[in-house]
C-alpha atoms as a PDB file:
ATOM      1  CA  MET A   1       0.000   0.000   0.000  1.00  0.00           C
ATOM      2  CA  THR A   2       1.352   3.434  -0.850  1.00  0.00           C
ATOM      3  CA  GLY A   3       1.349   6.045   1.856  1.00  0.00           C
ATOM      4  CA  LEU A   4       3.518   8.245   3.988  1.00  0.00           C
ATOM      5  CA  GLN A   5       5.847   7.742   6.906  1.00  0.00           C
ATOM      6  CA  LEU A   6       6.385  10.494   9.460  1.00  0.00           C
ATOM      7  CA  THR A   7       9.340  10.319  11.813  1.00  0.00           C
ATOM      8  CA  VAL A   8       8.769  12.296  14.993  1.00  0.00           C
ATOM      9  CA  ALA A   9      11.445  13.152  17.565  1.00  0.00           C
ATOM     10  CA  GLY A  10      10.962  11.291  20.840  1.00  0.00           C
ATOM     11  CA  ARG A  11       8.105   9.121  21.985  1.00  0.00           C
ATOM     12  CA  LEU A  12       4.547  10.323  21.735  1.00  0.00           C
ATOM     13  CA  PRO A  13       2.744  10.513  25.071  1.00  0.00           C
ATOM     14  CA  THR A  14      -0.250   8.202  25.428  1.00  0.00           C
ATOM     15  CA  ALA A  15      -2.645  11.166  25.277  1.00  0.00           C
ATOM     16  CA  VAL A  16      -1.254  12.200  21.880  1.00  0.00           C
ATOM     17  CA  SER A  17      -1.363   8.649  20.502  1.00  0.00           C
ATOM     18  CA  ASP A  18      -4.934   8.246  21.763  1.00  0.00           C
ATOM     19  CA  THR A  19      -5.961  11.527  20.146  1.00  0.00           C
ATOM     20  CA  ILE A  20      -4.432  10.483  16.810  1.00  0.00           C
ATOM     21  CA  ARG A  21      -6.189   7.093  16.944  1.00  0.00           C
ATOM     22  CA  ALA A  22      -9.511   8.721  17.840  1.00  0.00           C
ATOM     23  CA  ARG A  23      -9.320  11.238  14.998  1.00  0.00           C
ATOM     24  CA  PHE A  24      -7.730   9.149  12.252  1.00  0.00           C
ATOM     25  CA  GLY A  25      -8.514   5.550  13.182  1.00  0.00           C
ATOM     26  CA  ASP A  26      -6.698   2.803  11.309  1.00  0.00           C
ATOM     27  CA  CYS A  27      -5.200   5.244   8.775  1.00  0.00           C
ATOM     28  CA  VAL A  28      -2.278   5.844  11.139  1.00  0.00           C
ATOM     29  CA  GLN A  29      -0.086   3.138  12.659  1.00  0.00           C
ATOM     30  CA  ILE A  30       2.119   4.398  15.511  1.00  0.00           C
ATOM     31  CA  ARG A  31       5.271   2.664  16.723  1.00  0.00           C
ATOM     32  CA  PRO A  32       8.191   3.859  18.830  1.00  0.00           C
ATOM     33  CA  VAL A  33      11.658   3.068  17.453  1.00  0.00           C
ATOM     34  CA  ALA A  34      15.004   4.026  19.033  1.00  0.00           C
ATOM     35  CA  GLY A  35      14.001   7.294  20.683  1.00  0.00           C
ATOM     36  CA  ARG A  36      11.725   8.315  17.812  1.00  0.00           C
ATOM     37  CA  THR A  37       8.181   7.572  16.767  1.00  0.00           C
ATOM     38  CA  LEU A  38       7.220   6.343  13.322  1.00  0.00           C
ATOM     39  CA  LEU A  39       3.756   7.060  12.033  1.00  0.00           C
ATOM     40  CA  ASN A  40       2.776   5.055   8.962  1.00  0.00           C
ATOM     41  CA  VAL A  41      -0.046   6.865   7.210  1.00  0.00           C
ATOM     42  CA  ALA A  42      -2.257   5.195   4.595  1.00  0.00           C
ATOM     43  CA  ASP A  43      -5.326   6.305   2.668  1.00  0.00           C
ATOM     44  CA  MET A  44      -5.282   9.884   3.928  1.00  0.00           C
ATOM     45  CA  ASP A  45      -6.165  12.922   1.843  1.00  0.00           C
ATOM     46  CA  GLN A  46      -4.199  16.175   2.031  1.00  0.00           C
ATOM     47  CA  PRO A  47      -6.569  18.001   4.409  1.00  0.00           C
ATOM     48  CA  ALA A  48      -6.404  15.080   6.863  1.00  0.00           C
ATOM     49  CA  LEU A  49      -2.609  14.949   6.577  1.00  0.00           C
ATOM     50  CA  ARG A  50      -2.451  18.664   7.283  1.00  0.00           C
ATOM     51  CA  ALA A  51      -4.670  18.150  10.339  1.00  0.00           C
ATOM     52  CA  LEU A  52      -2.308  15.417  11.580  1.00  0.00           C
ATOM     53  CA  LEU A  53       0.738  17.637  11.091  1.00  0.00           C
ATOM     54  CA  ILE A  54      -0.965  20.523  12.906  1.00  0.00           C
ATOM     55  CA  LEU A  55      -1.956  18.207  15.764  1.00  0.00           C
ATOM     56  CA  LEU A  56       1.668  17.101  16.175  1.00  0.00           C
ATOM     57  CA  TRP A  57       2.828  20.722  15.983  1.00  0.00           C
ATOM     58  CA  ASP A  58       0.225  21.846  18.555  1.00  0.00           C
ATOM     59  CA  PHE A  59       1.422  19.142  20.965  1.00  0.00           C
ATOM     60  CA  GLY A  60       5.000  20.409  20.511  1.00  0.00           C
ATOM     61  CA  HIS A  61       6.526  17.519  18.549  1.00  0.00           C
ATOM     62  CA  ASP A  62       9.273  17.943  15.964  1.00  0.00           C
ATOM     63  CA  ILE A  63       8.826  16.120  12.674  1.00  0.00           C
ATOM     64  CA  LEU A  64      12.220  14.870  11.575  1.00  0.00           C
ATOM     65  CA  CYS A  65      11.230  13.311   8.276  1.00  0.00           C
ATOM     66  CA  LEU A  66       8.257  12.899   5.966  1.00  0.00           C
ATOM     67  CA  SER A  67       8.669  10.323   3.225  1.00  0.00           C
ATOM     68  CA  SER A  68       6.341   8.686   0.730  1.00  0.00           C
ATOM     69  CA  GLY A  69       6.356   5.131  -0.484  1.00  0.00           C
ATOM     70  CA  ALA A  70       5.169   1.727   0.635  1.00  0.00           C
ATOM     71  CA  VAL A  71       3.550   1.585   4.058  1.00  0.00           C
ATOM     72  CA  ARG A  72       4.144  -1.608   6.022  1.00  0.00           C
END
């Protein structure tokens, strides 16, 4: 499946992860990896992606990388 992968600095607090899951459901898979958090994003339109980026920004998280390609 083609999608996006966001790499966020640090681990996301449970409240942030819960908010993302509540708003975006199964479109976003969240997993912590080596002091960072990877968010695999599938089937999301641009307005929803913008909302996700704003949510992360509002919670004070730095996005280290945004890449497109196959989502696992």
